[in-house]
C-alpha atoms as a PDB file:
ATOM      1  CA  MET A   1       7.753 -44.845 111.271  1.00  0.00           C
ATOM      2  CA  ILE A   2       8.208 -48.108 113.194  1.00  0.00           C
ATOM      3  CA  LYS A   3       5.434 -50.671 112.890  1.00  0.00           C
ATOM      4  CA  GLU A   4       5.117 -54.291 113.928  1.00  0.00           C
ATOM      5  CA  ALA A   5       5.932 -56.529 111.001  1.00  0.00           C
ATOM      6  CA  VAL A   6       3.850 -59.284 109.492  1.00  0.00           C
ATOM      7  CA  LEU A   7       4.974 -62.748 108.416  1.00  0.00           C
ATOM      8  CA  TYR A   8       7.389 -63.605 111.197  1.00  0.00           C
ATOM      9  CA  ASP A   9       7.625 -66.398 113.767  1.00  0.00           C
ATOM     10  CA  PRO A  10       8.898 -66.260 117.366  1.00  0.00           C
ATOM     11  CA  ILE A  11      11.398 -69.121 117.755  1.00  0.00           C
ATOM     12  CA  GLY A  12      12.397 -68.953 121.402  1.00  0.00           C
ATOM     13  CA  GLY A  13      15.008 -67.058 123.345  1.00  0.00           C
ATOM     14  CA  ASN A  14      13.508 -63.791 122.128  1.00  0.00           C
ATOM     15  CA  ARG A  15      14.637 -64.663 118.610  1.00  0.00           C
ATOM     16  CA  VAL A  16      12.377 -64.323 115.573  1.00  0.00           C
ATOM     17  CA  LYS A  17      12.385 -65.696 112.051  1.00  0.00           C
ATOM     18  CA  CYS A  18      11.422 -63.240 109.306  1.00  0.00           C
ATOM     19  CA  ASN A  19       9.447 -64.766 106.430  1.00  0.00           C
ATOM     20  CA  VAL A  20       9.222 -61.830 104.020  1.00  0.00           C
ATOM     21  CA  CYS A  21      12.270 -62.609 101.882  1.00  0.00           C
ATOM     22  CA  ALA A  22      14.099 -65.787 100.962  1.00  0.00           C
ATOM     23  CA  HIS A  23      16.938 -65.173 103.425  1.00  0.00           C
ATOM     24  CA  ARG A  24      14.435 -66.028 106.182  1.00  0.00           C
ATOM     25  CA  CYS A  25      16.706 -64.343 108.688  1.00  0.00           C
ATOM     26  CA  THR A  26      16.864 -65.616 112.248  1.00  0.00           C
ATOM     27  CA  ILE A  27      17.165 -62.367 114.186  1.00  0.00           C
ATOM     28  CA  PRO A  28      18.304 -62.128 117.829  1.00  0.00           C
ATOM     29  CA  ASP A  29      16.801 -59.544 120.164  1.00  0.00           C
ATOM     30  CA  GLY A  30      18.094 -56.065 119.367  1.00  0.00           C
ATOM     31  CA  LYS A  31      19.391 -56.988 115.922  1.00  0.00           C
ATOM     32  CA  ALA A  32      18.186 -56.442 112.357  1.00  0.00           C
ATOM     33  CA  GLY A  33      18.040 -58.805 109.395  1.00  0.00           C
ATOM     34  CA  VAL A  34      20.149 -58.742 106.229  1.00  0.00           C
ATOM     35  CA  CYS A  35      18.041 -55.892 104.829  1.00  0.00           C
ATOM     36  CA  ARG A  36      18.845 -53.683 107.875  1.00  0.00           C
ATOM     37  CA  THR A  37      15.201 -52.575 108.000  1.00  0.00           C
ATOM     38  CA  ARG A  38      13.478 -55.315 110.013  1.00  0.00           C
ATOM     39  CA  LYS A  39      14.508 -55.385 113.679  1.00  0.00           C
ATOM     40  CA  ASN A  40      13.760 -57.652 116.618  1.00  0.00           C
ATOM     41  CA  ASN A  41      12.740 -55.700 119.700  1.00  0.00           C
ATOM     42  CA  GLY A  42      11.951 -57.848 122.704  1.00  0.00           C
ATOM     43  CA  GLY A  43      10.899 -60.870 120.679  1.00  0.00           C
ATOM     44  CA  LYS A  44       8.717 -58.936 118.249  1.00  0.00           C
ATOM     45  CA  LEU A  45       9.752 -58.019 114.723  1.00  0.00           C
ATOM     46  CA  TYR A  46       9.306 -54.432 113.567  1.00  0.00           C
ATOM     47  CA  THR A  47       9.717 -52.737 110.209  1.00  0.00           C
ATOM     48  CA  LEU A  48      11.762 -49.555 110.586  1.00  0.00           C
ATOM     49  CA  ILE A  49      10.671 -48.126 107.223  1.00  0.00           C
ATOM     50  CA  TYR A  50       6.882 -47.958 107.205  1.00  0.00           C
ATOM     51  CA  ASN A  51       5.980 -44.592 105.556  1.00  0.00           C
ATOM     52  CA  THR A  52       9.718 -43.993 104.984  1.00  0.00           C
ATOM     53  CA  VAL A  53      10.473 -42.762 101.458  1.00  0.00           C
ATOM     54  CA  SER A  54      13.932 -41.978 100.110  1.00  0.00           C
ATOM     55  CA  SER A  55      12.962 -41.471  96.468  1.00  0.00           C
ATOM     56  CA  GLU A  56       9.817 -40.162  94.784  1.00  0.00           C
ATOM     57  CA  ALA A  57       9.252 -39.504  91.078  1.00  0.00           C
ATOM     58  CA  VAL A  58       6.696 -39.538  88.315  1.00  0.00           C
ATOM     59  CA  ASP A  59       8.320 -41.790  85.720  1.00  0.00           C
ATOM     60  CA  PRO A  60       7.363 -43.151  82.325  1.00  0.00           C
ATOM     61  CA  VAL A  61       6.435 -46.762  82.967  1.00  0.00           C
ATOM     62  CA  GLU A  62       9.028 -47.639  80.316  1.00  0.00           C
ATOM     63  CA  LYS A  63      11.736 -46.603  82.805  1.00  0.00           C
ATOM     64  CA  LYS A  64      10.971 -49.627  85.040  1.00  0.00           C
ATOM     65  CA  PRO A  65      11.370 -51.015  82.295  1.00  0.00           C
ATOM     66  CA  LEU A  66       7.893 -52.289  81.442  1.00  0.00           C
ATOM     67  CA  TYR A  67       7.149 -52.412  77.718  1.00  0.00           C
ATOM     68  CA  HIS A  68       3.934 -54.458  77.661  1.00  0.00           C
ATOM     69  CA  PHE A  69       2.215 -52.778  80.589  1.00  0.00           C
ATOM     70  CA  LEU A  70       0.281 -49.526  80.075  1.00  0.00           C
ATOM     71  CA  PRO A  71       2.685 -48.299  77.363  1.00  0.00           C
ATOM     72  CA  GLY A  72       3.135 -44.548  77.124  1.00  0.00           C
ATOM     73  CA  THR A  73       1.733 -43.867  80.603  1.00  0.00           C
ATOM     74  CA  LEU A  74       3.169 -42.471  83.828  1.00  0.00           C
ATOM     75  CA  SER A  75       3.905 -44.431  86.987  1.00  0.00           C
ATOM     76  CA  TYR A  76       4.157 -42.827  90.429  1.00  0.00           C
ATOM     77  CA  SER A  77       7.377 -44.338  91.764  1.00  0.00           C
ATOM     78  CA  LEU A  78       8.586 -44.699  95.339  1.00  0.00           C
ATOM     79  CA  GLY A  79      11.654 -46.182  96.997  1.00  0.00           C
ATOM     80  CA  THR A  80      12.826 -46.527 100.586  1.00  0.00           C
ATOM     81  CA  VAL A  81      16.197 -47.581 102.068  1.00  0.00           C
ATOM     82  CA  GLY A  82      17.904 -50.933 102.489  1.00  0.00           C
ATOM     83  CA  CYS A  83      18.065 -54.120 100.452  1.00  0.00           C
ATOM     84  CA  ASN A  84      18.303 -57.859 100.945  1.00  0.00           C
ATOM     85  CA  PHE A  85      21.021 -58.078  98.257  1.00  0.00           C
ATOM     86  CA  ARG A  86      24.595 -56.763  98.298  1.00  0.00           C
ATOM     87  CA  CYS A  87      25.096 -56.299  94.562  1.00  0.00           C
ATOM     88  CA  LEU A  88      28.607 -55.115  93.775  1.00  0.00           C
ATOM     89  CA  HIS A  89      27.309 -53.156  90.771  1.00  0.00           C
ATOM     90  CA  CYS A  90      24.261 -51.517  92.377  1.00  0.00           C
ATOM     91  CA  GLN A  91      23.371 -48.217  90.718  1.00  0.00           C
ATOM     92  CA  ASN A  92      21.288 -47.104  93.719  1.00  0.00           C
ATOM     93  CA  TRP A  93      23.797 -48.119  96.385  1.00  0.00           C
ATOM     94  CA  ASN A  94      23.413 -44.767  98.171  1.00  0.00           C
ATOM     95  CA  ILE A  95      19.904 -45.812  99.295  1.00  0.00           C
ATOM     96  CA  SER A  96      20.044 -49.614  99.091  1.00  0.00           C
ATOM     97  CA  GLN A  97      23.288 -50.167 100.984  1.00  0.00           C
ATOM     98  CA  VAL A  98      22.790 -47.724 103.853  1.00  0.00           C
ATOM     99  CA  THR A  99      20.942 -47.756 107.153  1.00  0.00           C
ATOM    100  CA  ILE A 100      17.949 -45.546 107.721  1.00  0.00           C
ATOM    101  CA  ASP A 101      19.950 -43.057 109.811  1.00  0.00           C
ATOM    102  CA  LYS A 102      22.408 -42.478 106.946  1.00  0.00           C
ATOM    103  CA  ALA A 103      19.914 -41.497 104.237  1.00  0.00           C
ATOM    104  CA  TYR A 104      17.698 -38.476 103.684  1.00  0.00           C
ATOM    105  CA  THR A 105      14.096 -39.647 103.923  1.00  0.00           C
ATOM    106  CA  MET A 106      10.586 -38.250 104.193  1.00  0.00           C
ATOM    107  CA  GLU A 107       7.297 -39.679 105.395  1.00  0.00           C
ATOM    108  CA  ILE A 108       4.555 -40.427 102.866  1.00  0.00           C
ATOM    109  CA  THR A 109       1.610 -42.466 104.105  1.00  0.00           C
ATOM    110  CA  PRO A 110      -0.087 -44.996 101.834  1.00  0.00           C
ATOM    111  CA  GLU A 111      -3.092 -42.665 101.630  1.00  0.00           C
ATOM    112  CA  GLU A 112      -0.911 -39.729 100.604  1.00  0.00           C
ATOM    113  CA  ALA A 113       1.018 -41.822  98.075  1.00  0.00           C
ATOM    114  CA  VAL A 114      -2.180 -42.852  96.315  1.00  0.00           C
ATOM    115  CA  ARG A 115      -3.460 -39.270  96.401  1.00  0.00           C
ATOM    116  CA  ARG A 116      -0.236 -37.995  94.800  1.00  0.00           C
ATOM    117  CA  ALA A 117      -0.318 -40.706  92.156  1.00  0.00           C
ATOM    118  CA  VAL A 118      -3.861 -39.834  91.121  1.00  0.00           C
ATOM    119  CA  ALA A 119      -3.150 -36.076  91.214  1.00  0.00           C
ATOM    120  CA  ALA A 120      -0.132 -36.549  88.927  1.00  0.00           C
ATOM    121  CA  GLY A 121      -2.248 -38.319  86.306  1.00  0.00           C
ATOM    122  CA  CYS A 122      -0.455 -41.643  86.766  1.00  0.00           C
ATOM    123  CA  ARG A 123      -2.037 -44.926  85.709  1.00  0.00           C
ATOM    124  CA  SER A 124       0.039 -46.970  88.146  1.00  0.00           C
ATOM    125  CA  ILE A 125       2.072 -46.849  91.324  1.00  0.00           C
ATOM    126  CA  ALA A 126       5.473 -48.591  91.395  1.00  0.00           C
ATOM    127  CA  TRP A 127       7.725 -49.570  94.282  1.00  0.00           C
ATOM    128  CA  THR A 128      11.201 -49.366  92.865  1.00  0.00           C
ATOM    129  CA  TYR A 129      14.748 -47.936  93.241  1.00  0.00           C
ATOM    130  CA  ASN A 130      15.453 -50.479  95.997  1.00  0.00           C
ATOM    131  CA  GLU A 131      13.889 -53.850  96.843  1.00  0.00           C
ATOM    132  CA  PRO A 132      10.137 -53.569  97.563  1.00  0.00           C
ATOM    133  CA  ALA A 133       9.828 -56.989  99.236  1.00  0.00           C
ATOM    134  CA  ILE A 134      11.522 -55.663 102.393  1.00  0.00           C
ATOM    135  CA  TRP A 135       8.905 -52.860 102.435  1.00  0.00           C
ATOM    136  CA  HIS A 136       6.102 -55.394 102.545  1.00  0.00           C
ATOM    137  CA  GLU A 137       3.800 -53.828 105.126  1.00  0.00           C
ATOM    138  CA  TYR A 138       3.845 -50.440 103.412  1.00  0.00           C
ATOM    139  CA  THR A 139       3.565 -51.715  99.846  1.00  0.00           C
ATOM    140  CA  TYR A 140       0.737 -54.064 100.794  1.00  0.00           C
ATOM    141  CA  ASP A 141      -1.298 -51.318 102.482  1.00  0.00           C
ATOM    142  CA  SER A 142      -0.586 -48.962  99.587  1.00  0.00           C
ATOM    143  CA  ALA A 143      -1.523 -51.564  96.976  1.00  0.00           C
ATOM    144  CA  VAL A 144      -4.891 -52.207  98.621  1.00  0.00           C
ATOM    145  CA  LEU A 145      -5.671 -48.475  98.523  1.00  0.00           C
ATOM    146  CA  ALA A 146      -4.284 -48.077  94.997  1.00  0.00           C
ATOM    147  CA  LYS A 147      -6.617 -50.736  93.601  1.00  0.00           C
ATOM    148  CA  LYS A 148      -9.594 -48.997  95.217  1.00  0.00           C
ATOM    149  CA  SER A 149      -8.546 -45.784  93.444  1.00  0.00           C
ATOM    150  CA  GLY A 150      -8.269 -47.438  90.023  1.00  0.00           C
ATOM    151  CA  LEU A 151      -4.469 -47.522  89.926  1.00  0.00           C
ATOM    152  CA  LYS A 152      -2.484 -50.513  88.756  1.00  0.00           C
ATOM    153  CA  THR A 153       0.485 -51.607  90.843  1.00  0.00           C
ATOM    154  CA  VAL A 154       4.079 -52.583  90.073  1.00  0.00           C
ATOM    155  CA  TYR A 155       6.913 -54.325  91.914  1.00  0.00           C
ATOM    156  CA  VAL A 156      10.348 -53.623  90.426  1.00  0.00           C
ATOM    157  CA  THR A 157      12.038 -56.463  92.224  1.00  0.00           C
ATOM    158  CA  ASN A 158      15.030 -58.754  92.564  1.00  0.00           C
ATOM    159  CA  GLY A 159      12.550 -61.592  93.052  1.00  0.00           C
ATOM    160  CA  TYR A 160      13.814 -62.619  96.507  1.00  0.00           C
ATOM    161  CA  ILE A 161      10.343 -62.646  98.020  1.00  0.00           C
ATOM    162  CA  THR A 162       8.898 -65.640  99.868  1.00  0.00           C
ATOM    163  CA  PRO A 163       5.812 -67.464  98.603  1.00  0.00           C
ATOM    164  CA  GLU A 164       3.941 -66.287 101.723  1.00  0.00           C
ATOM    165  CA  ALA A 165       4.655 -62.617 101.075  1.00  0.00           C
ATOM    166  CA  LEU A 166       3.968 -62.917  97.348  1.00  0.00           C
ATOM    167  CA  ARG A 167       0.664 -64.722  97.865  1.00  0.00           C
ATOM    168  CA  ARG A 168      -0.378 -62.064 100.385  1.00  0.00           C
ATOM    169  CA  ILE A 169       0.174 -59.119  98.034  1.00  0.00           C
ATOM    170  CA  ALA A 170      -0.598 -60.818  94.699  1.00  0.00           C
ATOM    171  CA  PRO A 171      -4.363 -60.020  94.710  1.00  0.00           C
ATOM    172  CA  TYR A 172      -3.372 -56.339  94.675  1.00  0.00           C
ATOM    173  CA  LEU A 173      -0.287 -56.564  92.443  1.00  0.00           C
ATOM    174  CA  ASP A 174      -0.516 -56.176  88.662  1.00  0.00           C
ATOM    175  CA  ALA A 175       3.086 -56.282  87.427  1.00  0.00           C
ATOM    176  CA  PHE A 176       6.255 -58.040  88.594  1.00  0.00           C
ATOM    177  CA  ARG A 177       9.263 -56.638  86.739  1.00  0.00           C
ATOM    178  CA  VAL A 178      11.940 -59.009  87.929  1.00  0.00           C
ATOM    179  CA  ASP A 179      15.715 -58.959  87.658  1.00  0.00           C
ATOM    180  CA  ILE A 180      17.134 -62.332  86.762  1.00  0.00           C
ATOM    181  CA  LYS A 181      20.681 -61.151  87.262  1.00  0.00           C
ATOM    182  CA  SER A 182      22.321 -64.316  86.005  1.00  0.00           C
ATOM    183  CA  PHE A 183      21.505 -67.952  85.452  1.00  0.00           C
ATOM    184  CA  SER A 184      24.413 -68.946  87.694  1.00  0.00           C
ATOM    185  CA  ASP A 185      24.070 -69.604  91.405  1.00  0.00           C
ATOM    186  CA  ASP A 186      27.766 -68.859  91.766  1.00  0.00           C
ATOM    187  CA  PHE A 187      27.203 -65.360  90.327  1.00  0.00           C
ATOM    188  CA  TYR A 188      24.362 -64.763  92.790  1.00  0.00           C
ATOM    189  CA  LYS A 189      26.522 -65.832  95.737  1.00  0.00           C
ATOM    190  CA  LYS A 190      29.613 -63.828  94.758  1.00  0.00           C
ATOM    191  CA  VAL A 191      28.038 -60.691  93.283  1.00  0.00           C
ATOM    192  CA  CYS A 192      24.685 -60.382  95.081  1.00  0.00           C
ATOM    193  CA  GLY A 193      25.006 -62.264  98.363  1.00  0.00           C
ATOM    194  CA  ALA A 194      22.004 -64.409  97.457  1.00  0.00           C
ATOM    195  CA  ARG A 195      20.923 -67.509  95.532  1.00  0.00           C
ATOM    196  CA  LEU A 196      19.337 -68.057  92.131  1.00  0.00           C
ATOM    197  CA  ALA A 197      16.669 -70.652  92.987  1.00  0.00           C
ATOM    198  CA  PRO A 198      14.370 -68.405  95.104  1.00  0.00           C
ATOM    199  CA  VAL A 199      14.300 -65.833  92.299  1.00  0.00           C
ATOM    200  CA  LEU A 200      13.171 -68.426  89.778  1.00  0.00           C
ATOM    201  CA  GLU A 201      10.628 -69.860  92.216  1.00  0.00           C
ATOM    202  CA  SER A 202       9.008 -66.502  92.992  1.00  0.00           C
ATOM    203  CA  THR A 203       8.908 -65.493  89.345  1.00  0.00           C
ATOM    204  CA  LYS A 204       7.195 -68.732  88.381  1.00  0.00           C
ATOM    205  CA  LEU A 205       4.727 -68.320  91.260  1.00  0.00           C
ATOM    206  CA  ALA A 206       3.951 -64.727  90.249  1.00  0.00           C
ATOM    207  CA  LYS A 207       3.096 -66.023  86.788  1.00  0.00           C
ATOM    208  CA  GLU A 208       0.836 -68.712  88.269  1.00  0.00           C
ATOM    209  CA  LEU A 209      -0.898 -66.062  90.386  1.00  0.00           C
ATOM    210  CA  GLY A 210      -1.781 -64.065  87.265  1.00  0.00           C
ATOM    211  CA  VAL A 211       0.653 -61.179  87.688  1.00  0.00           C
ATOM    212  CA  HIS A 212       2.143 -59.622  84.518  1.00  0.00           C
ATOM    213  CA  ILE A 213       5.826 -60.597  84.240  1.00  0.00           C
ATOM    214  CA  GLU A 214       8.728 -58.948  82.433  1.00  0.00           C
ATOM    215  CA  THR A 215      12.321 -60.044  83.029  1.00  0.00           C
ATOM    216  CA  ILE A 216      15.487 -57.995  82.850  1.00  0.00           C
ATOM    217  CA  THR A 217      19.116 -59.093  82.787  1.00  0.00           C
ATOM    218  CA  LEU A 218      21.991 -56.646  83.009  1.00  0.00           C
ATOM    219  CA  LEU A 219      24.772 -58.205  80.959  1.00  0.00           C
ATOM    220  CA  ILE A 220      28.123 -57.684  82.704  1.00  0.00           C
ATOM    221  CA  PRO A 221      31.205 -58.351  80.560  1.00  0.00           C
ATOM    222  CA  GLU A 222      32.859 -61.696  81.275  1.00  0.00           C
ATOM    223  CA  MET A 223      30.572 -62.379  84.237  1.00  0.00           C
ATOM    224  CA  ASN A 224      27.112 -63.391  82.973  1.00  0.00           C
ATOM    225  CA  ASP A 225      27.296 -62.775  79.227  1.00  0.00           C
ATOM    226  CA  SER A 226      28.359 -66.117  77.763  1.00  0.00           C
ATOM    227  CA  PRO A 227      26.184 -67.536  74.965  1.00  0.00           C
ATOM    228  CA  GLU A 228      25.749 -70.735  76.988  1.00  0.00           C
ATOM    229  CA  GLU A 229      24.382 -68.952  80.066  1.00  0.00           C
ATOM    230  CA  ILE A 230      22.132 -66.691  78.023  1.00  0.00           C
ATOM    231  CA  THR A 231      20.733 -69.732  76.206  1.00  0.00           C
ATOM    232  CA  GLN A 232      19.987 -71.442  79.542  1.00  0.00           C
ATOM    233  CA  LEU A 233      18.246 -68.321  80.877  1.00  0.00           C
ATOM    234  CA  VAL A 234      16.147 -67.888  77.751  1.00  0.00           C
ATOM    235  CA  GLY A 235      15.164 -71.551  77.750  1.00  0.00           C
ATOM    236  CA  TRP A 236      13.963 -71.303  81.342  1.00  0.00           C
ATOM    237  CA  VAL A 237      11.888 -68.180  80.652  1.00  0.00           C
ATOM    238  CA  ARG A 238      10.355 -69.753  77.549  1.00  0.00           C
ATOM    239  CA  ASP A 239       9.502 -73.039  79.275  1.00  0.00           C
ATOM    240  CA  LYS A 240       8.364 -71.692  82.659  1.00  0.00           C
ATOM    241  CA  LEU A 241       6.926 -68.251  81.844  1.00  0.00           C
ATOM    242  CA  GLY A 242       5.984 -68.564  78.189  1.00  0.00           C
ATOM    243  CA  GLU A 243       7.222 -67.359  74.823  1.00  0.00           C
ATOM    244  CA  ASN A 244       5.234 -64.106  75.097  1.00  0.00           C
ATOM    245  CA  THR A 245       7.108 -62.955  78.215  1.00  0.00           C
ATOM    246  CA  PRO A 246       8.966 -59.717  77.428  1.00  0.00           C
ATOM    247  CA  MET A 247      12.701 -60.133  78.042  1.00  0.00           C
ATOM    248  CA  HIS A 248      15.007 -57.139  78.481  1.00  0.00           C
ATOM    249  CA  PHE A 249      18.783 -57.325  78.114  1.00  0.00           C
ATOM    250  CA  THR A 250      20.474 -54.132  79.258  1.00  0.00           C
ATOM    251  CA  ARG A 251      23.883 -52.554  79.041  1.00  0.00           C
ATOM    252  CA  PHE A 252      26.127 -52.483  82.104  1.00  0.00           C
ATOM    253  CA  HIS A 253      28.024 -49.307  82.960  1.00  0.00           C
ATOM    254  CA  PRO A 254      30.836 -49.320  85.550  1.00  0.00           C
ATOM    255  CA  MET A 255      29.280 -48.625  88.943  1.00  0.00           C
ATOM    256  CA  TYR A 256      29.840 -48.875  92.711  1.00  0.00           C
ATOM    257  CA  LYS A 257      32.280 -51.728  93.463  1.00  0.00           C
ATOM    258  CA  MET A 258      32.541 -52.710  89.786  1.00  0.00           C
ATOM    259  CA  SER A 259      33.848 -49.372  88.557  1.00  0.00           C
ATOM    260  CA  ASP A 260      36.959 -51.043  87.130  1.00  0.00           C
ATOM    261  CA  LEU A 261      35.019 -52.978  84.477  1.00  0.00           C
ATOM    262  CA  TYR A 262      34.050 -51.771  81.014  1.00  0.00           C
ATOM    263  CA  ALA A 263      30.615 -51.113  79.552  1.00  0.00           C
ATOM    264  CA  THR A 264      28.859 -53.973  77.773  1.00  0.00           C
ATOM    265  CA  PRO A 265      29.715 -54.033  74.056  1.00  0.00           C
ATOM    266  CA  LEU A 266      26.733 -53.525  71.787  1.00  0.00           C
ATOM    267  CA  ASP A 267      27.443 -56.744  69.919  1.00  0.00           C
ATOM    268  CA  THR A 268      27.086 -58.700  73.190  1.00  0.00           C
ATOM    269  CA  LEU A 269      23.596 -57.276  73.667  1.00  0.00           C
ATOM    270  CA  GLU A 270      22.694 -58.022  70.067  1.00  0.00           C
ATOM    271  CA  MET A 271      23.991 -61.574  70.510  1.00  0.00           C
ATOM    272  CA  ALA A 272      21.646 -62.017  73.495  1.00  0.00           C
ATOM    273  CA  TYR A 273      18.772 -60.648  71.428  1.00  0.00           C
ATOM    274  CA  ASP A 274      19.527 -63.065  68.589  1.00  0.00           C
ATOM    275  CA  ILE A 275      19.750 -66.041  70.968  1.00  0.00           C
ATOM    276  CA  ALA A 276      16.432 -65.188  72.595  1.00  0.00           C
ATOM    277  CA  LYS A 277      14.675 -64.831  69.242  1.00  0.00           C
ATOM    278  CA  LYS A 278      16.237 -68.047  67.925  1.00  0.00           C
ATOM    279  CA  GLU A 279      15.075 -69.875  71.073  1.00  0.00           C
ATOM    280  CA  GLY A 280      11.493 -68.816  70.432  1.00  0.00           C
ATOM    281  CA  MET A 281      10.963 -65.691  72.520  1.00  0.00           C
ATOM    282  CA  ARG A 282       8.605 -63.348  70.703  1.00  0.00           C
ATOM    283  CA  PHE A 283       9.279 -60.035  72.459  1.00  0.00           C
ATOM    284  CA  VAL A 284      12.914 -59.220  73.220  1.00  0.00           C
ATOM    285  CA  TYR A 285      14.333 -55.785  74.017  1.00  0.00           C
ATOM    286  CA  LEU A 286      17.672 -54.077  74.551  1.00  0.00           C
ATOM    287  CA  GLY A 287      18.131 -51.359  77.163  1.00  0.00           C
ATOM    288  CA  ASN A 288      20.595 -48.565  78.002  1.00  0.00           C
ATOM    289  CA  VAL A 289      21.244 -48.231  74.259  1.00  0.00           C
ATOM    290  CA  GLY A 290      19.140 -45.213  73.379  1.00  0.00           C
ATOM    291  CA  GLY A 291      17.824 -45.094  69.822  1.00  0.00           C
ATOM    292  CA  HIS A 292      18.426 -48.770  69.029  1.00  0.00           C
ATOM    293  CA  GLU A 293      15.771 -50.448  66.876  1.00  0.00           C
ATOM    294  CA  TYR A 294      15.459 -53.250  69.440  1.00  0.00           C
ATOM    295  CA  GLU A 295      13.819 -50.832  71.881  1.00  0.00           C
ATOM    296  CA  ASN A 296      10.724 -51.036  69.691  1.00  0.00           C
ATOM    297  CA  THR A 297       7.898 -53.551  69.722  1.00  0.00           C
ATOM    298  CA  TYR A 298       7.372 -55.423  66.468  1.00  0.00           C
ATOM    299  CA  CYS A 299       4.704 -57.911  65.491  1.00  0.00           C
ATOM    300  CA  PRO A 300       6.295 -61.360  65.819  1.00  0.00           C
ATOM    301  CA  ARG A 301       4.374 -62.574  62.764  1.00  0.00           C
ATOM    302  CA  CYS A 302       4.590 -59.778  60.163  1.00  0.00           C
ATOM    303  CA  ASN A 303       7.270 -57.551  61.769  1.00  0.00           C
ATOM    304  CA  ALA A 304       5.057 -54.443  61.662  1.00  0.00           C
ATOM    305  CA  LEU A 305       6.230 -51.658  63.982  1.00  0.00           C
ATOM    306  CA  LEU A 306       3.676 -51.580  66.813  1.00  0.00           C
ATOM    307  CA  ILE A 307       5.283 -49.378  69.487  1.00  0.00           C
ATOM    308  CA  ASP A 308       7.992 -46.903  68.570  1.00  0.00           C
ATOM    309  CA  ARG A 309      10.337 -45.996  71.447  1.00  0.00           C
ATOM    310  CA  ALA A 310      13.254 -43.632  71.884  1.00  0.00           C
ATOM    311  CA  GLY A 311      14.659 -44.068  75.358  1.00  0.00           C
ATOM    312  CA  PHE A 312      11.685 -43.632  77.679  1.00  0.00           C
ATOM    313  CA  SER A 313       9.602 -41.782  75.093  1.00  0.00           C
ATOM    314  CA  VAL A 314       6.858 -43.623  73.259  1.00  0.00           C
ATOM    315  CA  GLY A 315       5.444 -42.720  69.885  1.00  0.00           C
ATOM    316  CA  LYS A 316       2.191 -44.085  68.546  1.00  0.00           C
ATOM    317  CA  VAL A 317       0.970 -47.393  69.984  1.00  0.00           C
ATOM    318  CA  ARG A 318      -0.385 -49.327  67.004  1.00  0.00           C
ATOM    319  CA  ILE A 319      -2.181 -52.161  68.783  1.00  0.00           C
ATOM    320  CA  GLU A 320      -5.917 -52.461  68.228  1.00  0.00           C
ATOM    321  CA  ASP A 321      -8.024 -54.595  70.567  1.00  0.00           C
ATOM    322  CA  GLY A 322      -4.899 -56.522  71.549  1.00  0.00           C
ATOM    323  CA  LYS A 323      -3.991 -57.332  67.952  1.00  0.00           C
ATOM    324  CA  CYS A 324      -1.569 -56.253  65.247  1.00  0.00           C
ATOM    325  CA  PRO A 325      -3.488 -53.951  62.859  1.00  0.00           C
ATOM    326  CA  GLU A 326      -1.582 -55.394  59.878  1.00  0.00           C
ATOM    327  CA  CYS A 327      -2.034 -59.142  60.296  1.00  0.00           C
ATOM    328  CA  GLY A 328      -4.339 -59.650  63.280  1.00  0.00           C
ATOM    329  CA  GLU A 329      -1.747 -61.432  65.441  1.00  0.00           C
ATOM    330  CA  ASP A 330      -2.496 -61.359  69.181  1.00  0.00           C
ATOM    331  CA  ILE A 331      -0.162 -58.935  70.972  1.00  0.00           C
ATOM    332  CA  PRO A 332      -0.219 -59.446  74.763  1.00  0.00           C
ATOM    333  CA  VAL A 333      -0.050 -55.933  76.199  1.00  0.00           C
ATOM    334  CA  VAL A 334      -1.785 -54.794  79.396  1.00  0.00           C
ATOM    335  CA  GLY A 335      -3.664 -51.644  78.335  1.00  0.00           C
END
């Protein structure tokens, strides 16, 4: 469904400037922006993907991954097509790097999405699989309805959202699971077709707006896995987001245009974990390493096992009134 977009400015000559993501594309008449989903038609900007769904699933919220947000619950998850990044290692390239006419899609209205989420017994609705910021009109309308129905809401995002778009949706957004793909602007330019600074700015703003934050970094061998870069990233998260922010370091597997690389060695992931803990982060996790002890949540004071995980499965959640039952330490988990 085509719908007039929000957050754009006419700039003369039938051109428009889109203000939903940090590219802030200047779009001539008849053309689309970087995301391929927002098109100028006669001096007005339209979203081509309102109601357009490429992917629908009922997922464990741990799959996002979110470990301190409604643990052990289900999240109704939707994706569309397109992206404002061009990541060479994208695992969902078949929906993110195609135009709407090249992907199988279906129409699900915001009302129907919320109805399906509630019917499936989900505690939250998540916009994921591709970048939700480019789907702003749909996710905003859906989030407003979701909150009225008692659902919590999740953006699984690359963080390339403008302050205007984030401030608009923030009153209806509960969790911001953000990829910080590297702490190098050069990496962002070469691998993603983007820049680092807007990601950091939006993540910090989301924190200021009271949205739950968890970060994730896919460690790619010899590209963003040096101890120096990991230390810089951890220091920024600690200083700007706080020591209680859950950090996820996940294993890279050869994918898309990086199929010639090798999977991340386990000792690289464990090194990142050790650095983050040494630098003062209290909740650090490893991903894509099923069965590893660092998938679990431990009390940062007494080391008691609080949430036992195996992949996306969760055992008993041993947190009582937001505290460790063994020593009484505060454990910041959205329940």
